[in-house]
Amino acid sequence: MTERIIPASSDTLIGTPVRQLLYGENAWQSPAIHCRDTDAANDPLALDRFKVLVGEPGFNTLGDLDRLLQTMTHIAAAWDVNFGAVPKIAVAVKHGNACGAGVESTGSNVIAHMIDGDRRAIMGGVVMINFPLDEYWAELLLTHGMPTKPNSHDRMRRLIDGVIAPSVSEDAIAAMKRKGDKCRIFTNPALANLTKDSLDTTPLRRQVRGGYLLQPNYMFVLDLAQATGLLPGQPAPELSRIQKSDLLLAWAICATSTSNTITITNNCALCGNGVGQQDRVGAAELAIKRARDSRKLYELDDGLAHAVAASDSFFPFPDGMETLAAAGIEVIFATSGSIHDKDVAARAAELGVKILALPDKAARSFFNH
């Protein structure tokens, strides 16, 4: 096999230092610096455009902020492309992957839906919303679903490590503050005006030993009008508006979570996110377990009846789809291209599961692979 050699180009790693960070990913990785990429000089959502109101941002906080932006902008783009408007959105991440998300026209539902995605994982997480954070929403973020204090009617308060919004009121800042300013608070007005054009278009560089890899950014957006059934020539099954919304939310979270991933959503909220698995069945089982464990712990319904799921690539065998169907999943978005697509489609028809698909070469959504 002949190796393809690319002629040397002018592309280089050039950046302008923005801020000194306390340390890197771990305390012993010091010094760490945040630099502005010269390619992103006109990007209103570049991380240096976020104003720090409280706290000192660290390496991991900025990493979570960047991952939040990927998920938030992909949700917004999916709604803009498919529905022509962007609703209120709330997303929480833990270690970069979404552990809660809500999309709704009423802010209170958005926050509650986000928290109920995984009330354990959101503790110490970082939250981003695309609407102003005032005292009411801050209190909801801190107390929704929390138990009451002993011998008191007051609720205990949730620990949040960071919150990002277009704007934050003084009362909300006072409510969110933690000892040592451990809850970092950022604002960026551009978050209030997200569209399909808000995706990050800057080429991605991934450092490897002795150099780096270069590729386009994650800019694919699912357009349900282009989706088909799993097999060639097979039309896409009909979906209700809520099924379309749930499927788009599942896809956007799945597409911006560490692959391999299967994501389950219901009623415009994240139920379970099975990320970073080596096989598709394992990802499905983890998504189901996270949904059931979290919701059972807090005496909520399991959230899986009439739920939908998204897979970041195709099902190599029917077993992954069967695992989701057994849990109550009724609609799945996946890619096509497996040599066993016919077997998967036939088994889905037997189980009454609707599958929408696009070719793997066009719509595979591996992220941070």
Protein backbone atom coordinates (compact mmCIF):
# COMPACT_ATOMS: atom_id res chain seq x y z
CA MET A 1 0.00 0.00 0.00
CA THR A 2 1.36 3.40 -0.98
CA GLU A 3 1.26 6.00 1.79
CA ARG A 4 -0.40 9.26 0.81
CA ILE A 5 1.94 12.17 1.57
CA ILE A 6 0.44 15.64 1.87
CA PRO A 7 2.66 18.54 0.73
CA ALA A 8 3.65 20.95 3.48
CA SER A 9 1.16 23.79 3.93
CA SER A 10 1.11 27.08 5.75
CA ASP A 11 -1.22 25.75 8.50
CA THR A 12 0.43 26.16 11.87
CA LEU A 13 -0.60 26.34 15.49
CA ILE A 14 -0.79 30.07 16.07
CA GLY A 15 -2.61 31.60 18.98
CA THR A 16 -2.68 34.54 21.36
CA PRO A 17 -2.50 33.88 25.11
CA VAL A 18 -5.73 34.99 26.83
CA ARG A 19 -5.40 33.91 30.43
CA GLN A 20 -3.17 31.95 32.75
CA LEU A 21 -4.98 29.01 34.33
CA LEU A 22 -4.35 27.64 37.81
CA TYR A 23 -3.13 24.36 36.37
CA GLY A 24 -4.00 21.83 33.71
CA GLU A 25 -6.28 18.82 33.69
CA ASN A 26 -4.61 17.67 36.90
CA ALA A 27 -2.99 19.79 39.60
CA TRP A 28 0.52 18.65 38.65
CA GLN A 29 0.04 19.73 35.00
CA SER A 30 1.18 23.31 35.41
CA PRO A 31 1.39 25.84 33.92
CA ALA A 32 -1.71 25.87 31.72
CA ILE A 33 -2.75 28.68 29.40
CA HIS A 34 -5.90 29.55 27.47
CA CYS A 35 -5.00 30.85 24.00
CA ARG A 36 -7.20 32.45 21.36
CA ASP A 37 -7.01 30.74 17.96
CA THR A 38 -6.33 33.23 15.17
CA ASP A 39 -8.84 31.33 12.98
CA ALA A 40 -11.65 32.21 15.41
CA ALA A 41 -11.09 35.96 15.67
CA ASN A 42 -14.65 36.79 14.56
CA ASP A 43 -16.46 34.03 16.45
CA PRO A 44 -18.91 35.56 19.00
CA LEU A 45 -18.96 32.23 20.85
CA ALA A 46 -15.18 31.86 21.16
CA LEU A 47 -14.37 31.05 24.77
CA ASP A 48 -12.48 34.30 25.31
CA ARG A 49 -15.74 36.16 24.48
CA PHE A 50 -17.36 34.75 27.61
CA LYS A 51 -17.24 37.20 30.50
CA VAL A 52 -16.22 35.72 33.84
CA LEU A 53 -18.44 37.13 36.59
CA VAL A 54 -17.45 34.83 39.45
CA GLY A 55 -14.56 32.46 40.01
CA GLU A 56 -11.35 31.68 38.23
CA PRO A 57 -11.80 29.41 35.20
CA GLY A 58 -9.65 26.31 35.06
CA PHE A 59 -8.60 23.91 32.34
CA ASN A 60 -11.43 21.45 33.04
CA THR A 61 -14.06 24.19 33.37
CA LEU A 62 -13.18 25.62 29.97
CA GLY A 63 -13.14 22.12 28.52
CA ASP A 64 -16.67 21.55 29.82
CA LEU A 65 -17.74 24.95 28.49
CA ASP A 66 -16.49 23.98 25.04
CA ARG A 67 -18.32 20.66 25.12
CA LEU A 68 -21.48 22.42 26.31
CA LEU A 69 -21.23 24.77 23.35
CA GLN A 70 -21.05 21.83 20.95
CA THR A 71 -24.17 20.25 22.43
CA MET A 72 -26.08 23.52 22.84
CA THR A 73 -25.38 24.73 19.29
CA HIS A 74 -26.22 21.34 17.77
CA ILE A 75 -29.59 21.32 19.57
CA ALA A 76 -30.26 24.88 18.39
CA ALA A 77 -29.22 24.06 14.82
CA ALA A 78 -31.42 20.95 14.75
CA TRP A 79 -34.46 22.98 15.81
CA ASP A 80 -33.66 25.79 13.38
CA VAL A 81 -33.25 23.38 10.44
CA ASN A 82 -36.30 21.25 11.23
CA PHE A 83 -38.73 23.72 12.84
CA GLY A 84 -37.43 27.17 11.85
CA ALA A 85 -37.13 28.43 15.43
CA VAL A 86 -34.91 27.86 18.47
CA PRO A 87 -36.64 27.30 21.84
CA LYS A 88 -35.31 27.62 25.38
CA ILE A 89 -32.58 25.05 25.98
CA ALA A 90 -30.80 23.90 29.14
CA VAL A 91 -27.90 21.44 29.16
CA ALA A 92 -25.76 20.07 31.99
CA VAL A 93 -22.49 18.21 31.51
CA LYS A 94 -20.30 16.12 33.77
CA HIS A 95 -16.82 15.33 32.49
CA GLY A 96 -17.83 16.74 29.11
CA ASN A 97 -20.83 14.52 28.42
CA ALA A 98 -24.44 15.64 28.79
CA CYS A 99 -26.06 14.30 31.97
CA GLY A 100 -29.18 16.42 31.64
CA ALA A 101 -30.93 18.41 28.92
CA GLY A 102 -34.30 19.99 28.37
CA VAL A 103 -35.96 21.80 25.48
CA GLU A 104 -39.24 23.61 26.05
CA SER A 105 -41.11 26.87 25.60
CA THR A 106 -41.35 27.40 29.37
CA GLY A 107 -38.11 28.04 31.22
CA SER A 108 -39.18 26.26 34.41
CA ASN A 109 -39.85 23.04 32.52
CA VAL A 110 -36.49 23.29 30.79
CA ILE A 111 -34.59 23.51 34.07
CA ALA A 112 -36.65 20.78 35.75
CA HIS A 113 -36.31 18.46 32.75
CA MET A 114 -32.56 19.03 32.64
CA ILE A 115 -32.11 18.22 36.34
CA ASP A 116 -34.32 15.13 36.21
CA GLY A 117 -32.10 13.66 33.49
CA ASP A 118 -29.68 12.52 36.20
CA ARG A 119 -29.98 14.20 39.59
CA ARG A 120 -26.89 12.43 40.89
CA ALA A 121 -24.59 13.25 38.00
CA ILE A 122 -25.54 16.92 37.85
CA MET A 123 -24.05 17.43 41.33
CA GLY A 124 -20.80 19.28 40.66
CA GLY A 125 -21.66 19.66 36.98
CA VAL A 126 -21.63 22.66 34.67
CA VAL A 127 -24.86 24.10 33.23
CA MET A 128 -25.53 26.20 30.13
CA ILE A 129 -28.81 27.88 29.18
CA ASN A 130 -29.73 30.12 26.24
CA PHE A 131 -32.00 32.47 28.23
CA PRO A 132 -31.28 34.94 31.04
CA LEU A 133 -30.71 33.49 34.50
CA ASP A 134 -32.56 35.40 37.21
CA GLU A 135 -33.11 34.60 40.89
CA TYR A 136 -36.16 32.42 40.21
CA TRP A 137 -34.38 30.18 37.71
CA ALA A 138 -31.28 30.06 39.93
CA GLU A 139 -33.34 28.85 42.90
CA LEU A 140 -34.98 26.24 40.70
CA LEU A 141 -31.58 25.09 39.47
CA LEU A 142 -30.30 24.79 43.04
CA THR A 143 -33.34 23.23 44.72
CA HIS A 144 -35.54 21.34 42.20
CA GLY A 145 -35.85 17.75 43.39
CA MET A 146 -33.64 18.29 46.44
CA PRO A 147 -34.74 16.88 49.83
CA THR A 148 -35.76 19.19 52.65
CA LYS A 149 -33.31 19.97 55.43
CA PRO A 150 -33.80 18.13 58.74
CA ASN A 151 -36.38 19.86 60.94
CA SER A 152 -37.02 22.46 58.24
CA HIS A 153 -39.27 23.21 55.29
CA ASP A 154 -36.31 24.58 53.32
CA ARG A 155 -34.74 22.43 50.63
CA MET A 156 -31.07 21.50 50.57
CA ARG A 157 -29.10 23.18 47.79
CA ARG A 158 -27.46 21.47 44.85
CA LEU A 159 -23.74 22.03 44.26
CA ILE A 160 -23.07 23.37 40.76
CA ASP A 161 -19.50 24.02 39.58
CA GLY A 162 -20.39 26.40 36.76
CA VAL A 163 -23.26 28.16 35.06
CA ILE A 164 -23.23 29.91 31.68
CA ALA A 165 -26.04 32.10 30.33
CA PRO A 166 -26.59 35.13 28.07
CA SER A 167 -26.94 37.22 31.24
CA VAL A 168 -27.12 36.62 34.99
CA SER A 169 -28.88 38.92 37.46
CA GLU A 170 -27.20 40.11 40.65
CA ASP A 171 -29.72 38.15 42.72
CA ALA A 172 -28.94 35.00 40.73
CA ILE A 173 -25.23 35.53 41.29
CA ALA A 174 -25.82 35.82 45.02
CA ALA A 175 -27.89 32.62 45.01
CA MET A 176 -25.37 30.61 42.96
CA LYS A 177 -22.19 31.65 44.80
CA ARG A 178 -20.28 28.96 46.67
CA LYS A 179 -17.49 29.18 49.22
CA GLY A 180 -14.23 30.02 47.49
CA ASP A 181 -16.15 31.01 44.34
CA LYS A 182 -16.22 27.34 43.31
CA CYS A 183 -19.28 27.99 41.14
CA ARG A 184 -17.85 29.80 38.12
CA ILE A 185 -20.34 32.10 36.43
CA PHE A 186 -19.96 33.13 32.77
CA THR A 187 -22.07 35.26 30.45
CA ASN A 188 -22.19 35.72 26.69
CA PRO A 189 -25.14 37.56 25.06
CA ALA A 190 -24.59 35.56 21.85
CA LEU A 191 -26.14 32.52 23.55
CA ALA A 192 -29.55 34.19 23.29
CA ASN A 193 -29.42 34.27 19.47
CA LEU A 194 -28.38 30.77 18.43
CA THR A 195 -29.27 29.52 14.94
CA LYS A 196 -28.11 26.87 12.49
CA ASP A 197 -25.20 29.22 11.74
CA SER A 198 -23.90 29.09 15.33
CA LEU A 199 -21.96 25.84 14.93
CA ASP A 200 -18.21 26.01 15.35
CA THR A 201 -16.65 26.02 11.87
CA THR A 202 -13.01 26.30 12.96
CA PRO A 203 -10.98 23.25 11.84
CA LEU A 204 -10.23 20.88 14.69
CA ARG A 205 -6.70 20.01 15.71
CA ARG A 206 -5.97 17.00 17.88
CA GLN A 207 -2.51 16.79 19.31
CA VAL A 208 -0.69 13.51 18.85
CA ARG A 209 2.87 12.69 19.77
CA GLY A 210 5.15 14.55 17.42
CA GLY A 211 2.41 16.55 15.71
CA TYR A 212 -1.34 16.94 15.37
CA LEU A 213 -4.29 15.70 13.35
CA LEU A 214 -6.41 18.18 11.40
CA GLN A 215 -10.04 17.77 10.35
CA PRO A 216 -13.19 19.87 9.75
CA ASN A 217 -15.31 20.60 12.80
CA TYR A 218 -18.53 18.80 13.75
CA MET A 219 -20.96 20.59 11.44
CA PHE A 220 -23.43 17.90 10.35
CA VAL A 221 -27.04 18.66 11.40
CA LEU A 222 -29.80 16.07 11.20
CA ASP A 223 -32.58 17.09 8.81
CA LEU A 224 -35.48 14.69 9.34
CA ALA A 225 -36.83 15.56 5.89
CA GLN A 226 -33.79 13.79 4.43
CA ALA A 227 -34.11 10.66 6.59
CA THR A 228 -35.33 7.35 5.18
CA GLY A 229 -36.03 3.93 6.53
CA LEU A 230 -33.11 1.65 7.33
CA LEU A 231 -33.12 -0.10 3.94
CA PRO A 232 -32.52 1.50 0.50
CA GLY A 233 -35.73 2.87 -1.00
CA GLN A 234 -37.61 2.44 2.25
CA PRO A 235 -39.50 5.61 3.25
CA ALA A 236 -39.05 7.07 6.72
CA PRO A 237 -41.85 6.18 9.13
CA GLU A 238 -44.30 8.92 10.12
CA LEU A 239 -43.59 10.62 13.45
CA SER A 240 -45.59 12.94 15.68
CA ARG A 241 -44.24 16.40 16.50
CA ILE A 242 -43.14 15.28 19.98
CA GLN A 243 -41.39 12.21 18.54
CA LYS A 244 -39.53 14.44 16.09
CA SER A 245 -38.51 16.79 18.90
CA ASP A 246 -37.36 13.93 21.12
CA LEU A 247 -35.43 12.36 18.25
CA LEU A 248 -33.64 15.61 17.39
CA LEU A 249 -32.68 16.13 21.04
CA ALA A 250 -31.43 12.55 21.29
CA TRP A 251 -29.41 12.96 18.09
CA ALA A 252 -27.83 16.29 19.15
CA ILE A 253 -26.75 14.91 22.53
CA CYS A 254 -25.58 11.62 21.02
CA ALA A 255 -23.60 13.43 18.31
CA THR A 256 -21.70 15.49 20.89
CA SER A 257 -21.01 12.77 23.46
CA THR A 258 -17.92 10.58 23.59
CA SER A 259 -18.43 7.72 21.12
CA ASN A 260 -19.67 5.01 21.08
CA THR A 261 -22.97 6.46 22.34
CA ILE A 262 -26.67 5.68 22.52
CA THR A 263 -28.91 8.41 23.92
CA ILE A 264 -32.50 8.09 25.16
CA THR A 265 -34.92 11.04 25.41
CA ASN A 266 -38.60 11.48 26.22
CA ASN A 267 -40.90 14.49 26.47
CA CYS A 268 -38.14 16.88 25.32
CA ALA A 269 -35.74 15.75 28.06
CA LEU A 270 -32.67 13.55 28.31
CA CYS A 271 -33.42 10.27 30.10
CA GLY A 272 -30.18 8.30 29.77
CA ASN A 273 -26.88 8.81 27.99
CA GLY A 274 -24.79 5.69 27.39
CA VAL A 275 -21.41 7.11 26.34
CA GLY A 276 -17.93 5.84 25.62
CA GLN A 277 -18.72 2.15 25.20
CA GLN A 278 -16.87 -0.38 23.05
CA ASP A 279 -20.03 -2.02 21.67
CA ARG A 280 -23.52 -0.90 20.75
CA VAL A 281 -25.33 -3.28 23.13
CA GLY A 282 -23.22 -1.99 26.01
CA ALA A 283 -24.09 1.61 25.10
CA ALA A 284 -27.80 0.73 24.97
CA GLU A 285 -27.64 -1.09 28.31
CA LEU A 286 -25.81 1.81 29.95
CA ALA A 287 -28.31 4.39 28.64
CA ILE A 288 -31.20 2.29 29.97
CA LYS A 289 -29.50 1.69 33.31
CA ARG A 290 -28.70 5.37 33.83
CA ALA A 291 -32.29 6.32 33.01
CA ARG A 292 -33.83 3.71 35.30
CA ASP A 293 -31.38 4.05 38.19
CA SER A 294 -31.62 7.80 38.44
CA ARG A 295 -35.37 8.00 38.12
CA LYS A 296 -36.07 5.07 40.45
CA LEU A 297 -33.86 6.65 43.09
CA TYR A 298 -36.04 9.75 43.09
CA GLU A 299 -39.36 7.92 42.66
CA LEU A 300 -40.02 9.27 39.18
CA ASP A 301 -41.50 7.24 36.35
CA ASP A 302 -38.83 5.33 34.45
CA GLY A 303 -39.13 7.76 31.52
CA LEU A 304 -38.82 5.00 28.91
CA ALA A 305 -42.41 4.31 27.88
CA HIS A 306 -42.80 5.98 24.46
CA ALA A 307 -39.17 7.13 24.60
CA VAL A 308 -36.90 7.46 21.56
CA ALA A 309 -33.20 6.79 21.06
CA ALA A 310 -30.34 7.82 18.82
CA SER A 311 -27.26 5.80 17.96
CA ASP A 312 -24.10 7.49 16.70
CA SER A 313 -23.56 4.74 14.11
CA PHE A 314 -25.29 1.66 12.71
CA PHE A 315 -26.36 -1.47 14.58
CA PRO A 316 -24.00 -4.24 13.44
CA PHE A 317 -26.54 -6.83 14.65
CA PRO A 318 -30.18 -6.68 15.85
CA ASP A 319 -29.21 -7.12 19.52
CA GLY A 320 -28.62 -3.42 20.27
CA MET A 321 -31.98 -2.47 18.80
CA GLU A 322 -33.64 -5.37 20.64
CA THR A 323 -32.18 -4.15 23.93
CA LEU A 324 -33.73 -0.72 23.40
CA ALA A 325 -37.06 -2.16 22.27
CA ALA A 326 -37.28 -4.36 25.37
CA ALA A 327 -37.01 -1.22 27.51
CA GLY A 328 -39.93 0.45 25.72
CA ILE A 329 -38.14 2.47 23.03
CA GLU A 330 -40.46 3.01 20.07
CA VAL A 331 -38.42 5.19 17.68
CA ILE A 332 -34.70 5.07 16.86
CA PHE A 333 -32.42 7.14 14.69
CA ALA A 334 -29.35 5.26 13.47
CA THR A 335 -27.20 5.16 10.39
CA SER A 336 -27.38 2.54 7.67
CA GLY A 337 -24.47 0.62 6.23
CA SER A 338 -24.21 -2.57 8.26
CA ILE A 339 -24.14 -5.84 6.34
CA HIS A 340 -26.93 -6.91 8.70
CA ASP A 341 -29.26 -3.96 8.03
CA LYS A 342 -31.88 -6.33 6.60
CA ASP A 343 -31.86 -8.41 9.78
CA VAL A 344 -32.10 -5.29 11.96
CA ALA A 345 -34.97 -3.89 9.87
CA ALA A 346 -36.89 -7.17 9.90
CA ARG A 347 -36.54 -7.57 13.67
CA ALA A 348 -37.55 -3.93 14.24
CA ALA A 349 -40.71 -4.51 12.19
CA GLU A 350 -41.53 -7.56 14.33
CA LEU A 351 -41.10 -5.50 17.51
CA GLY A 352 -42.99 -2.46 16.21
CA VAL A 353 -39.94 -0.18 16.40
CA LYS A 354 -39.68 2.68 13.91
CA ILE A 355 -36.17 3.28 12.56
CA LEU A 356 -35.12 6.45 10.73
CA ALA A 357 -31.72 6.43 9.08
CA LEU A 358 -29.19 8.16 6.89
CA PRO A 359 -26.10 6.53 5.37
CA ASP A 360 -23.22 6.02 7.79
CA LYS A 361 -20.85 7.94 5.52
CA ALA A 362 -23.11 11.01 5.74
CA ALA A 363 -24.45 10.92 9.28
CA ARG A 364 -22.14 8.90 11.51
CA SER A 365 -21.57 11.00 14.60
CA PHE A 366 -18.45 9.77 16.34
CA PHE A 367 -17.25 12.51 18.71
CA ASN A 368 -13.96 12.69 20.61
CA HIS A 369 -13.39 9.16 19.35
